[in-house]
Amino acid sequence: MRTWFWTLLLAAVAVALAVFLREHEGNVLILVEPWRVQLSLTLAVLLLVATFIGLYVGLRLLGWLLSIPSRVRAWRGRRAQVRDHELLERGWIGFLEGRYAHAEKDLTKLLGQTRSQPRKVLAALSAARAAHGLGEISRRDALLDQALEHAGQDAGLKEAVATVAADLLLDQGQAQAAVQRLAPLQDGGVRHLHTQRLLLRAHHALGNHEQTFGLARSLMRRGVLAKGEGISLLETAAAERLRAGGDDAWRAVWKDLKADERTLPEVALAAAARFEQAGQPDEAARVLEAAVAARMDERLIMAYARCEPAQVKRRLAKAEEWLAKRPDDPDLLCVLGMLCLAGQLWGQAERYLLRSAQRRNDARVHALLGSLYDRLDRAHDAARHWRLATAAGMPLPVLASDGSLPAADMRSDPALLAGEGMDDYLIETPGTAAPAPEPVLHAEPPEAASASDYVLDPYARELEGAADRQVQDPAPGPAGGQVRATEALDEYFDSAPIPGVDFNEVQPEGKPGPDAPAEKK
């Protein structure tokens, strides 16, 4: 649009000049001794315009020729800047992708070749982050030192180096070193949000509850800290400040808290404990009641139930108001039972605790019932609820039911077998009669036990099997094969040890040893 405007303007000026020169004819006389030049007005104007254009073009050409060195330097700078940007982009893309080794290589190359001070600092800090990702702590610290050296006296670059170094140290778990890095920025009045967040992380890790509380409240007020995270930090810091404060310091902390901060569960519990220690149970009860009104929390109502007998009536009435709004809350029922136990109201305590146990199987409720029944001399019920409390509090193994073993089969016992062919060895004492045979208790005679039924040695079982095979399928051979197998088995039993008898013991002269054959009478 601008080009068309200037074109039309020049055309209008040319037309106006042509009309003017046509209507105003004249001559231009130039006297230069000894010359005299006379020109028409139109020609003189055209010559002036041509001279101006020639001078303009000549001067521009001369300026262009003289500016060639500077333009070459600028071109080289732009080309170097493009290369630096390419390395920086490639390094950061590799860093974001998690390829820290490639990223560190590109960024270190950029640090060595660039001539720009900000890009040197940027390359060193980026390479330090990549080295930190690789776990190369010494190389990371060296790169951070180079970045600080290249930053010089530039306040912005020095702040960037300190912030990055503190962030990396916090990731490493060195909160104290991070605070030392950020201390100059804090003393200089720097109030950047990222710096304050780093300070909050460092002080929270170090347990500096005063600084944590102030930073968390400031960041929440500015809206840069998540509500849940900020409330958690505020609650923990304020509660620890109340617990750690002296006789008067904790009261100053309590007065400094806002109304919504006082109703946080941890803060209310800590404040109630301090009021109880100071001998102000009514104030402790009011603190817990305000916190429960804001949020029903199990820890708050359990702390509310732990009181002296003088406080039972007041707290029991308040807890019954809460129960009217939440009639099926097992925690409230348990709290009412605890308050009744503290006031020695046994019947009401049993009723509340049984209602709580019906709604939830809780170890605390069963333990309280066990204590109640033990106080009332109901030992069986007390033991039952203590067992239920144990089962609810921890997983117990499933025990098998008791039962007796089946009766042993004594039919194969050699001691009970009737001795056959032993009549010759039985001696009757003169004047005594042989004992009468005992009546048989079973109709069918017991099966005779074979030797293999009570032989445990594999070698003896092998001999027994060989004897049976020769009886069932005698092989052709010497007639005494079967007898030898039987004798081998008998020899095994004859050599078996007898409990309580030492065959290696030396026998006195004139007395037969245990292996001597018995004399037949």
Protein backbone atom coordinates (compact mmCIF):
# COMPACT_ATOMS: atom_id res chain seq x y z
CA MET A 1 0.00 0.00 0.00
CA ARG A 2 2.84 2.33 0.84
CA THR A 3 4.53 1.58 -2.51
CA TRP A 4 1.41 2.51 -4.44
CA PHE A 5 1.11 5.72 -2.45
CA TRP A 6 4.66 6.88 -3.26
CA THR A 7 4.28 5.87 -6.91
CA LEU A 8 1.16 7.96 -7.29
CA LEU A 9 2.80 10.86 -5.47
CA LEU A 10 5.82 10.84 -7.77
CA ALA A 11 3.59 10.65 -10.86
CA ALA A 12 1.58 13.65 -9.68
CA VAL A 13 4.74 15.67 -9.02
CA ALA A 14 6.11 14.78 -12.48
CA VAL A 15 2.87 15.83 -14.18
CA ALA A 16 2.74 19.09 -12.25
CA LEU A 17 6.40 19.88 -13.08
CA ALA A 18 5.85 19.14 -16.80
CA VAL A 19 2.81 21.45 -16.97
CA PHE A 20 4.71 24.18 -15.13
CA LEU A 21 7.74 24.01 -17.42
CA ARG A 22 5.58 24.03 -20.53
CA GLU A 23 3.72 27.17 -19.55
CA HIS A 24 6.76 28.97 -18.20
CA GLU A 25 9.35 28.89 -20.91
CA GLY A 26 12.67 30.49 -20.11
CA ASN A 27 16.43 30.21 -20.40
CA VAL A 28 19.16 29.56 -17.91
CA LEU A 29 22.40 31.45 -18.49
CA ILE A 30 25.65 30.25 -16.95
CA LEU A 31 28.62 32.58 -17.21
CA VAL A 32 32.00 31.04 -16.46
CA GLU A 33 34.81 33.16 -17.92
CA PRO A 34 35.68 32.76 -20.65
CA TRP A 35 32.64 30.52 -21.26
CA ARG A 36 29.02 31.36 -21.54
CA VAL A 37 26.44 28.57 -21.36
CA GLN A 38 22.79 29.20 -22.09
CA LEU A 39 20.23 26.42 -21.54
CA SER A 40 16.50 26.17 -21.57
CA LEU A 41 14.80 25.91 -18.23
CA THR A 42 13.51 22.40 -18.92
CA LEU A 43 16.94 21.07 -19.80
CA ALA A 44 18.49 22.71 -16.78
CA VAL A 45 15.95 21.04 -14.45
CA LEU A 46 16.54 17.65 -16.05
CA LEU A 47 20.29 18.04 -15.68
CA LEU A 48 19.93 18.90 -12.00
CA VAL A 49 17.77 15.85 -11.37
CA ALA A 50 20.18 13.58 -13.23
CA THR A 51 23.14 14.99 -11.30
CA PHE A 52 21.40 14.38 -8.00
CA ILE A 53 20.58 10.81 -8.94
CA GLY A 54 24.11 10.13 -10.07
CA LEU A 55 25.62 11.54 -6.90
CA TYR A 56 23.18 9.54 -4.77
CA VAL A 57 23.96 6.26 -6.54
CA GLY A 58 27.67 6.88 -6.39
CA LEU A 59 27.67 7.66 -2.71
CA ARG A 60 25.57 4.57 -1.92
CA LEU A 61 27.90 2.38 -3.95
CA LEU A 62 30.93 3.82 -2.16
CA GLY A 63 29.29 3.23 1.22
CA TRP A 64 28.44 -0.36 0.29
CA LEU A 65 32.03 -1.03 -0.72
CA LEU A 66 33.38 0.45 2.47
CA SER A 67 30.97 -1.61 4.63
CA ILE A 68 32.06 -4.97 3.21
CA PRO A 69 34.38 -5.87 6.17
CA SER A 70 31.73 -5.13 8.77
CA ARG A 71 29.12 -7.05 6.83
CA VAL A 72 31.45 -10.03 6.60
CA ARG A 73 31.99 -9.93 10.34
CA ALA A 74 28.28 -9.77 10.92
CA TRP A 75 27.71 -12.74 8.60
CA ARG A 76 30.28 -14.76 10.45
CA GLY A 77 28.63 -13.84 13.74
CA ARG A 78 25.23 -14.90 12.47
CA ARG A 79 26.64 -18.18 11.19
CA ALA A 80 28.30 -18.86 14.56
CA GLN A 81 25.09 -17.97 16.34
CA VAL A 82 23.17 -20.44 14.18
CA ARG A 83 25.69 -23.16 15.02
CA ASP A 84 25.44 -22.32 18.71
CA HIS A 85 21.67 -22.45 18.57
CA GLU A 86 21.78 -25.80 16.82
CA LEU A 87 24.07 -27.26 19.47
CA LEU A 88 21.97 -25.77 22.25
CA GLU A 89 18.74 -27.11 20.78
CA ARG A 90 20.21 -30.56 20.20
CA GLY A 91 21.65 -30.64 23.71
CA TRP A 92 18.39 -29.64 25.38
CA ILE A 93 16.35 -32.04 23.29
CA GLY A 94 18.69 -34.85 24.32
CA PHE A 95 18.46 -33.75 27.95
CA LEU A 96 14.67 -33.72 27.89
CA GLU A 97 14.66 -37.15 26.21
CA GLY A 98 16.89 -38.51 28.97
CA ARG A 99 19.97 -39.05 26.77
CA TYR A 100 22.23 -37.26 29.23
CA ALA A 101 25.52 -38.45 27.75
CA HIS A 102 24.74 -37.04 24.27
CA ALA A 103 23.33 -33.86 25.81
CA GLU A 104 26.44 -33.28 27.91
CA LYS A 105 28.67 -33.84 24.87
CA ASP A 106 26.81 -31.26 22.74
CA LEU A 107 26.58 -28.70 25.54
CA THR A 108 30.26 -29.06 26.45
CA LYS A 109 31.14 -28.52 22.79
CA LEU A 110 28.99 -25.39 22.81
CA LEU A 111 30.77 -24.17 25.95
CA GLY A 112 34.13 -24.50 24.22
CA GLN A 113 33.28 -22.82 20.92
CA THR A 114 30.83 -20.00 21.73
CA ARG A 115 32.10 -16.46 22.35
CA SER A 116 28.94 -15.11 23.96
CA GLN A 117 29.08 -14.75 27.73
CA PRO A 118 25.39 -15.57 28.34
CA ARG A 119 25.62 -18.62 26.07
CA LYS A 120 28.73 -19.82 27.92
CA VAL A 121 26.87 -19.65 31.24
CA LEU A 122 23.81 -21.29 29.72
CA ALA A 123 25.87 -24.10 28.19
CA ALA A 124 27.76 -24.72 31.45
CA LEU A 125 24.57 -24.87 33.52
CA SER A 126 22.85 -27.16 31.03
CA ALA A 127 25.87 -29.48 30.90
CA ALA A 128 25.93 -29.52 34.72
CA ARG A 129 22.32 -30.70 34.75
CA ALA A 130 23.16 -33.45 32.28
CA ALA A 131 26.15 -34.56 34.37
CA HIS A 132 23.91 -34.58 37.45
CA GLY A 133 21.52 -36.87 35.61
CA LEU A 134 24.42 -39.24 34.91
CA GLY A 135 25.49 -39.17 38.57
CA GLU A 136 28.83 -37.52 37.77
CA ILE A 137 28.95 -35.25 40.81
CA SER A 138 32.55 -34.12 40.44
CA ARG A 139 32.05 -33.19 36.78
CA ARG A 140 28.84 -31.39 37.70
CA ASP A 141 30.60 -29.30 40.34
CA ALA A 142 33.37 -28.41 37.88
CA LEU A 143 30.81 -27.21 35.32
CA LEU A 144 29.04 -25.14 37.97
CA ASP A 145 32.35 -23.49 38.85
CA GLN A 146 32.94 -22.68 35.17
CA ALA A 147 29.48 -21.16 34.91
CA LEU A 148 30.13 -18.96 37.95
CA GLU A 149 33.47 -17.90 36.45
CA HIS A 150 31.93 -16.97 33.10
CA ALA A 151 29.10 -15.08 34.84
CA GLY A 152 31.58 -12.46 36.04
CA GLN A 153 29.87 -9.51 37.72
CA ASP A 154 26.55 -9.93 35.96
CA ALA A 155 23.96 -10.12 38.76
CA GLY A 156 21.41 -11.93 36.64
CA LEU A 157 23.84 -14.63 35.54
CA LYS A 158 25.14 -15.13 39.08
CA GLU A 159 21.58 -15.54 40.32
CA ALA A 160 20.94 -18.14 37.62
CA VAL A 161 24.04 -20.10 38.64
CA ALA A 162 23.06 -20.05 42.33
CA THR A 163 19.50 -21.17 41.57
CA VAL A 164 20.55 -24.09 39.38
CA ALA A 165 23.22 -25.18 41.87
CA ALA A 166 20.72 -25.11 44.75
CA ASP A 167 18.19 -27.13 42.76
CA LEU A 168 20.77 -29.81 41.96
CA LEU A 169 21.98 -29.94 45.57
CA LEU A 170 18.42 -30.41 46.81
CA ASP A 171 17.96 -33.29 44.41
CA GLN A 172 21.13 -34.78 45.87
CA GLY A 173 19.81 -34.33 49.42
CA GLN A 174 22.28 -31.63 50.50
CA ALA A 175 19.81 -29.12 51.89
CA GLN A 176 22.36 -27.24 53.99
CA ALA A 177 24.62 -26.65 50.96
CA ALA A 178 21.58 -25.46 48.98
CA VAL A 179 20.72 -22.92 51.69
CA GLN A 180 24.30 -21.64 51.60
CA ARG A 181 24.06 -21.19 47.84
CA LEU A 182 20.78 -19.27 48.13
CA ALA A 183 21.80 -17.17 51.16
CA PRO A 184 23.39 -14.34 49.07
CA LEU A 185 20.24 -14.04 47.00
CA GLN A 186 18.06 -13.92 50.11
CA ASP A 187 20.28 -11.30 51.71
CA GLY A 188 20.20 -9.25 48.51
CA GLY A 189 16.41 -9.01 48.66
CA VAL A 190 15.66 -11.36 45.79
CA ARG A 191 12.01 -12.42 45.95
CA HIS A 192 11.69 -14.62 42.87
CA LEU A 193 9.09 -17.35 43.22
CA HIS A 194 11.40 -20.16 42.16
CA THR A 195 14.04 -19.06 44.65
CA GLN A 196 11.49 -19.00 47.46
CA ARG A 197 10.23 -22.46 46.52
CA LEU A 198 13.79 -23.79 46.67
CA LEU A 199 14.30 -22.16 50.05
CA LEU A 200 11.05 -23.72 51.27
CA ARG A 201 12.20 -27.18 50.20
CA ALA A 202 15.59 -26.71 51.85
CA HIS A 203 14.26 -25.40 55.17
CA HIS A 204 11.59 -28.11 55.30
CA ALA A 205 14.23 -30.79 54.77
CA LEU A 206 16.41 -29.26 57.48
CA GLY A 207 13.53 -29.00 59.96
CA ASN A 208 13.68 -25.20 60.19
CA HIS A 209 10.03 -24.79 61.09
CA GLU A 210 10.13 -21.00 61.56
CA GLN A 211 11.39 -20.39 58.01
CA THR A 212 9.15 -23.13 56.59
CA PHE A 213 6.05 -21.59 58.14
CA GLY A 214 6.83 -18.09 56.85
CA LEU A 215 7.72 -19.19 53.32
CA ALA A 216 4.70 -21.49 53.02
CA ARG A 217 2.31 -18.78 54.16
CA SER A 218 3.90 -16.24 51.75
CA LEU A 219 3.74 -18.56 48.75
CA MET A 220 0.15 -19.56 49.50
CA ARG A 221 -0.83 -15.92 49.71
CA ARG A 222 0.73 -15.31 46.28
CA GLY A 223 -1.09 -18.35 44.86
CA VAL A 224 1.99 -20.19 43.58
CA LEU A 225 1.83 -23.11 46.05
CA ALA A 226 -0.76 -25.85 45.74
CA LYS A 227 -3.39 -25.64 48.45
CA GLY A 228 -2.95 -29.21 49.67
CA GLU A 229 0.83 -28.97 49.78
CA GLY A 230 0.77 -25.57 51.46
CA ILE A 231 -1.72 -26.65 54.14
CA SER A 232 0.34 -29.75 54.89
CA LEU A 233 3.52 -27.69 55.30
CA LEU A 234 1.76 -25.06 57.39
CA GLU A 235 0.18 -27.70 59.63
CA THR A 236 3.42 -29.54 60.28
CA ALA A 237 5.47 -26.39 60.84
CA ALA A 238 2.92 -24.74 63.14
CA ALA A 239 2.47 -27.91 65.22
CA GLU A 240 6.22 -28.31 65.66
CA ARG A 241 6.55 -24.66 66.65
CA LEU A 242 3.89 -25.16 69.33
CA ARG A 243 5.56 -28.31 70.65
CA ALA A 244 9.05 -26.78 70.69
CA GLY A 245 8.08 -23.43 72.19
CA GLY A 246 8.87 -22.56 75.78
CA ASP A 247 6.45 -21.51 78.49
CA ASP A 248 5.55 -18.22 76.80
CA ALA A 249 6.84 -18.79 73.26
CA TRP A 250 4.11 -21.28 72.33
CA ARG A 251 1.41 -18.80 73.41
CA ALA A 252 2.89 -16.19 71.04
CA VAL A 253 2.86 -18.76 68.23
CA TRP A 254 -0.77 -19.62 69.02
CA LYS A 255 -1.81 -15.96 68.90
CA ASP A 256 -0.01 -15.49 65.58
CA LEU A 257 -2.01 -18.24 63.90
CA LYS A 258 -5.10 -17.41 61.87
CA ALA A 259 -8.51 -18.88 62.69
CA ASP A 260 -8.43 -21.42 59.84
CA GLU A 261 -4.88 -22.43 60.76
CA ARG A 262 -5.89 -23.16 64.36
CA THR A 263 -8.44 -25.75 63.24
CA LEU A 264 -5.90 -27.91 61.41
CA PRO A 265 -5.76 -31.32 63.14
CA GLU A 266 -2.05 -31.40 63.99
CA VAL A 267 -2.11 -27.78 65.17
CA ALA A 268 -5.18 -28.37 67.34
CA LEU A 269 -3.67 -31.51 68.88
CA ALA A 270 -0.41 -29.73 69.69
CA ALA A 271 -2.23 -26.71 71.16
CA ALA A 272 -4.55 -28.90 73.23
CA ALA A 273 -1.57 -30.80 74.64
CA ARG A 274 0.13 -27.52 75.62
CA PHE A 275 -3.05 -26.23 77.30
CA GLU A 276 -3.37 -29.52 79.18
CA GLN A 277 0.23 -29.20 80.37
CA ALA A 278 -0.48 -25.63 81.45
CA GLY A 279 -3.43 -26.80 83.57
CA GLN A 280 -6.16 -25.38 81.30
CA PRO A 281 -8.30 -28.39 80.31
CA ASP A 282 -11.31 -26.21 79.45
CA GLU A 283 -9.28 -24.25 76.90
CA ALA A 284 -7.92 -27.52 75.48
CA ALA A 285 -11.48 -28.80 75.11
CA ARG A 286 -12.53 -25.63 73.28
CA VAL A 287 -9.59 -25.94 70.88
CA LEU A 288 -10.52 -29.55 70.04
CA GLU A 289 -14.21 -28.72 69.70
CA ALA A 290 -13.46 -25.93 67.21
CA ALA A 291 -11.23 -28.27 65.20
CA VAL A 292 -13.87 -31.06 65.19
CA ALA A 293 -16.50 -28.55 64.06
CA ALA A 294 -14.30 -27.68 61.08
CA ARG A 295 -13.40 -31.27 60.23
CA MET A 296 -14.34 -34.59 61.85
CA ASP A 297 -11.03 -36.34 62.39
CA GLU A 298 -10.41 -39.56 64.33
CA ARG A 299 -7.29 -38.17 65.99
CA LEU A 300 -9.19 -35.15 67.30
CA ILE A 301 -12.08 -37.03 68.86
CA MET A 302 -9.75 -39.65 70.38
CA ALA A 303 -7.76 -36.84 71.99
CA TYR A 304 -11.05 -35.33 73.15
CA ALA A 305 -11.89 -38.58 74.96
CA ARG A 306 -8.64 -38.57 76.95
CA CYS A 307 -9.48 -36.32 79.89
CA GLU A 308 -9.73 -36.20 83.65
CA PRO A 309 -12.90 -37.44 85.42
CA ALA A 310 -13.89 -33.82 86.16
CA GLN A 311 -14.16 -33.13 82.42
CA VAL A 312 -16.21 -36.22 81.57
CA LYS A 313 -19.68 -34.72 82.04
CA ARG A 314 -19.02 -31.70 79.80
CA ARG A 315 -17.26 -33.66 77.08
CA LEU A 316 -19.81 -36.48 77.16
CA ALA A 317 -22.61 -34.02 76.47
CA LYS A 318 -20.70 -32.52 73.54
CA ALA A 319 -19.90 -35.94 72.11
CA GLU A 320 -23.58 -36.92 72.29
CA GLU A 321 -24.39 -33.81 70.22
CA TRP A 322 -21.91 -35.00 67.60
CA LEU A 323 -23.42 -38.49 67.72
CA ALA A 324 -26.88 -37.08 67.03
CA LYS A 325 -25.57 -35.78 63.71
CA ARG A 326 -23.57 -38.95 62.92
CA PRO A 327 -25.39 -41.81 64.66
CA ASP A 328 -23.53 -44.60 62.82
CA ASP A 329 -19.99 -43.31 63.27
CA PRO A 330 -17.98 -46.10 64.99
CA ASP A 331 -15.28 -43.66 66.09
CA LEU A 332 -17.79 -41.46 67.90
CA LEU A 333 -19.34 -44.50 69.57
CA CYS A 334 -15.88 -45.60 70.69
CA VAL A 335 -15.18 -42.11 72.07
CA LEU A 336 -18.43 -42.13 74.02
CA GLY A 337 -17.52 -45.53 75.41
CA MET A 338 -14.11 -44.24 76.51
CA LEU A 339 -15.70 -41.22 78.19
CA CYS A 340 -18.17 -43.47 80.01
CA LEU A 341 -15.31 -45.69 81.15
CA ALA A 342 -13.48 -42.62 82.47
CA GLY A 343 -16.66 -41.62 84.35
CA GLN A 344 -17.24 -45.22 85.57
CA LEU A 345 -20.57 -45.46 83.75
CA TRP A 346 -20.21 -49.18 83.05
CA GLY A 347 -23.62 -49.83 81.48
CA GLN A 348 -23.47 -46.93 79.03
CA ALA A 349 -19.85 -47.74 78.20
CA GLU A 350 -20.79 -51.33 77.34
CA ARG A 351 -23.71 -50.19 75.18
CA TYR A 352 -21.64 -47.68 73.17
CA LEU A 353 -18.71 -50.04 72.72
CA LEU A 354 -20.91 -52.92 71.57
CA ARG A 355 -22.59 -50.63 69.02
CA SER A 356 -19.19 -49.58 67.75
CA ALA A 357 -18.03 -53.21 67.51
CA GLN A 358 -21.14 -54.09 65.51
CA ARG A 359 -20.30 -51.45 62.91
CA ARG A 360 -16.55 -52.10 62.66
CA ASN A 361 -14.22 -54.80 63.88
CA ASP A 362 -11.67 -52.65 65.67
CA ALA A 363 -8.90 -53.82 67.99
CA ARG A 364 -9.24 -50.76 70.24
CA VAL A 365 -12.94 -51.37 70.85
CA HIS A 366 -12.41 -55.04 71.70
CA ALA A 367 -9.56 -54.15 74.02
CA LEU A 368 -11.77 -51.61 75.82
CA LEU A 369 -14.53 -54.20 76.17
CA GLY A 370 -12.01 -56.67 77.56
CA SER A 371 -10.86 -54.13 80.15
CA LEU A 372 -14.47 -53.32 81.03
CA TYR A 373 -15.43 -56.97 81.52
CA ASP A 374 -12.26 -57.58 83.51
CA ARG A 375 -13.26 -54.69 85.79
CA LEU A 376 -16.69 -56.29 86.18
CA ASP A 377 -15.16 -59.72 87.00
CA ARG A 378 -16.48 -61.30 83.80
CA ALA A 379 -13.31 -63.18 83.00
CA HIS A 380 -14.74 -65.27 80.14
CA ASP A 381 -16.07 -62.24 78.22
CA ALA A 382 -12.88 -60.32 78.92
CA ALA A 383 -10.70 -63.11 77.51
CA ARG A 384 -12.95 -63.44 74.46
CA HIS A 385 -12.71 -59.75 73.57
CA TRP A 386 -8.96 -59.67 74.17
CA ARG A 387 -8.62 -62.53 71.70
CA LEU A 388 -10.81 -60.62 69.24
CA ALA A 389 -8.63 -57.54 69.74
CA THR A 390 -5.54 -59.58 68.96
CA ALA A 391 -7.14 -61.08 65.86
CA ALA A 392 -8.30 -57.65 64.63
CA GLY A 393 -4.94 -56.02 65.26
CA MET A 394 -2.68 -58.53 63.54
CA PRO A 395 -3.05 -61.50 61.17
CA LEU A 396 -2.99 -64.80 63.06
CA PRO A 397 -2.21 -68.25 61.62
CA VAL A 398 -5.07 -70.67 61.18
CA LEU A 399 -4.53 -73.56 63.60
CA ALA A 400 -5.80 -77.03 62.76
CA SER A 401 -8.50 -78.46 65.00
CA ASP A 402 -7.33 -80.83 67.73
CA GLY A 403 -7.90 -84.54 67.09
CA SER A 404 -6.60 -87.91 68.32
CA LEU A 405 -4.50 -90.23 66.18
CA PRO A 406 -6.13 -93.44 64.89
CA ALA A 407 -5.47 -96.62 66.84
CA ALA A 408 -2.27 -98.39 65.87
CA ASP A 409 -2.48 -101.73 64.03
CA MET A 410 -0.95 -104.16 66.52
CA ARG A 411 -1.67 -107.33 64.59
CA SER A 412 1.83 -107.44 63.10
CA ASP A 413 3.65 -106.79 66.36
CA PRO A 414 6.06 -109.75 66.98
CA ALA A 415 5.60 -109.40 70.73
CA LEU A 416 1.92 -110.30 70.41
CA LEU A 417 2.33 -113.18 67.96
CA ALA A 418 1.67 -116.64 69.45
CA GLY A 419 4.92 -118.57 69.66
CA GLU A 420 4.84 -121.77 67.66
CA GLY A 421 7.14 -124.69 68.55
CA MET A 422 8.21 -123.06 71.81
CA ASP A 423 6.64 -125.68 74.10
CA ASP A 424 9.94 -127.50 74.50
CA TYR A 425 11.53 -124.35 75.89
CA LEU A 426 8.81 -123.66 78.45
CA ILE A 427 9.71 -125.09 81.86
CA GLU A 428 7.12 -125.72 84.53
CA THR A 429 8.21 -125.11 88.05
CA PRO A 430 7.33 -127.98 90.37
CA GLY A 431 4.25 -127.25 92.38
CA THR A 432 2.92 -124.70 89.95
CA ALA A 433 0.37 -125.18 87.28
CA ALA A 434 0.60 -123.79 83.86
CA PRO A 435 -1.37 -120.60 83.43
CA ALA A 436 -4.74 -121.00 81.86
CA PRO A 437 -4.96 -119.79 78.30
CA GLU A 438 -6.54 -116.40 77.90
CA PRO A 439 -9.76 -116.28 75.94
CA VAL A 440 -9.54 -115.14 72.36
CA LEU A 441 -11.11 -111.71 71.91
CA HIS A 442 -11.53 -111.78 68.15
CA ALA A 443 -13.30 -114.36 66.12
CA GLU A 444 -10.75 -114.61 63.34
CA PRO A 445 -7.12 -115.43 64.05
CA PRO A 446 -4.72 -112.63 63.25
CA GLU A 447 -2.67 -112.81 60.13
CA ALA A 448 0.84 -114.01 60.67
CA ALA A 449 3.24 -111.20 60.05
CA SER A 450 6.03 -111.72 57.59
CA ALA A 451 9.56 -110.61 58.27
CA SER A 452 9.33 -107.88 55.65
CA ASP A 453 6.54 -106.14 57.59
CA TYR A 454 8.97 -104.84 60.19
CA VAL A 455 12.30 -104.99 58.38
CA LEU A 456 13.62 -101.48 57.64
CA ASP A 457 16.98 -102.39 56.12
CA PRO A 458 16.84 -102.44 52.29
CA TYR A 459 19.40 -105.27 52.24
CA ALA A 460 17.15 -107.50 54.36
CA ARG A 461 14.18 -106.71 52.14
CA GLU A 462 16.26 -107.70 49.14
CA LEU A 463 17.04 -111.08 50.77
CA GLU A 464 13.36 -111.55 51.61
CA GLY A 465 12.37 -110.89 48.01
CA ALA A 466 14.98 -113.34 46.74
CA ALA A 467 13.65 -116.08 49.03
CA ASP A 468 10.07 -115.49 47.90
CA ARG A 469 11.05 -115.61 44.25
CA GLN A 470 12.83 -118.92 44.71
CA VAL A 471 9.79 -120.40 46.44
CA GLN A 472 7.36 -119.21 43.76
CA ASP A 473 9.54 -119.92 40.72
CA PRO A 474 12.42 -122.22 41.62
CA ALA A 475 15.17 -121.98 39.09
CA PRO A 476 17.03 -125.09 37.98
CA GLY A 477 20.24 -125.47 39.89
CA PRO A 478 21.52 -126.92 43.07
CA ALA A 479 18.91 -128.18 45.46
CA GLY A 480 20.21 -126.03 48.30
CA GLY A 481 19.61 -122.62 46.62
CA GLN A 482 16.37 -122.01 48.43
CA VAL A 483 17.87 -123.12 51.71
CA ARG A 484 20.80 -120.71 51.30
CA ALA A 485 18.48 -117.74 50.73
CA THR A 486 16.46 -118.62 53.81
CA GLU A 487 19.59 -119.12 55.87
CA ALA A 488 20.92 -115.74 54.73
CA LEU A 489 17.72 -114.06 55.93
CA ASP A 490 17.85 -115.92 59.24
CA GLU A 491 21.48 -114.95 59.63
CA TYR A 492 20.52 -111.30 59.13
CA PHE A 493 17.99 -111.46 61.96
CA ASP A 494 20.41 -113.35 64.21
CA SER A 495 22.97 -110.56 63.71
CA ALA A 496 20.51 -107.73 64.44
CA PRO A 497 21.47 -105.62 67.49
CA ILE A 498 19.55 -106.10 70.72
CA PRO A 499 18.70 -102.90 72.62
CA GLY A 500 20.69 -102.59 75.84
CA VAL A 501 23.22 -105.34 74.97
CA ASP A 502 26.79 -104.54 73.92
CA PHE A 503 28.24 -107.43 71.93
CA ASN A 504 31.71 -105.96 72.03
CA GLU A 505 31.82 -106.18 75.79
CA VAL A 506 34.39 -108.73 77.09
CA GLN A 507 32.64 -111.62 78.88
CA PRO A 508 34.10 -113.06 82.10
CA GLU A 509 35.72 -116.47 81.90
CA GLY A 510 33.37 -119.38 82.36
CA LYS A 511 30.32 -117.39 81.25
CA PRO A 512 28.95 -117.77 77.77
CA GLY A 513 28.60 -114.72 75.62
CA PRO A 514 25.35 -113.52 74.11
CA ASP A 515 26.17 -115.24 70.82
CA ALA A 516 26.67 -118.65 72.46
CA PRO A 517 23.85 -121.12 71.68
CA ALA A 518 21.51 -121.73 74.57
CA GLU A 519 21.78 -125.14 76.16
CA LYS A 520 18.68 -127.13 75.58
CA LYS A 521 17.13 -128.56 78.66
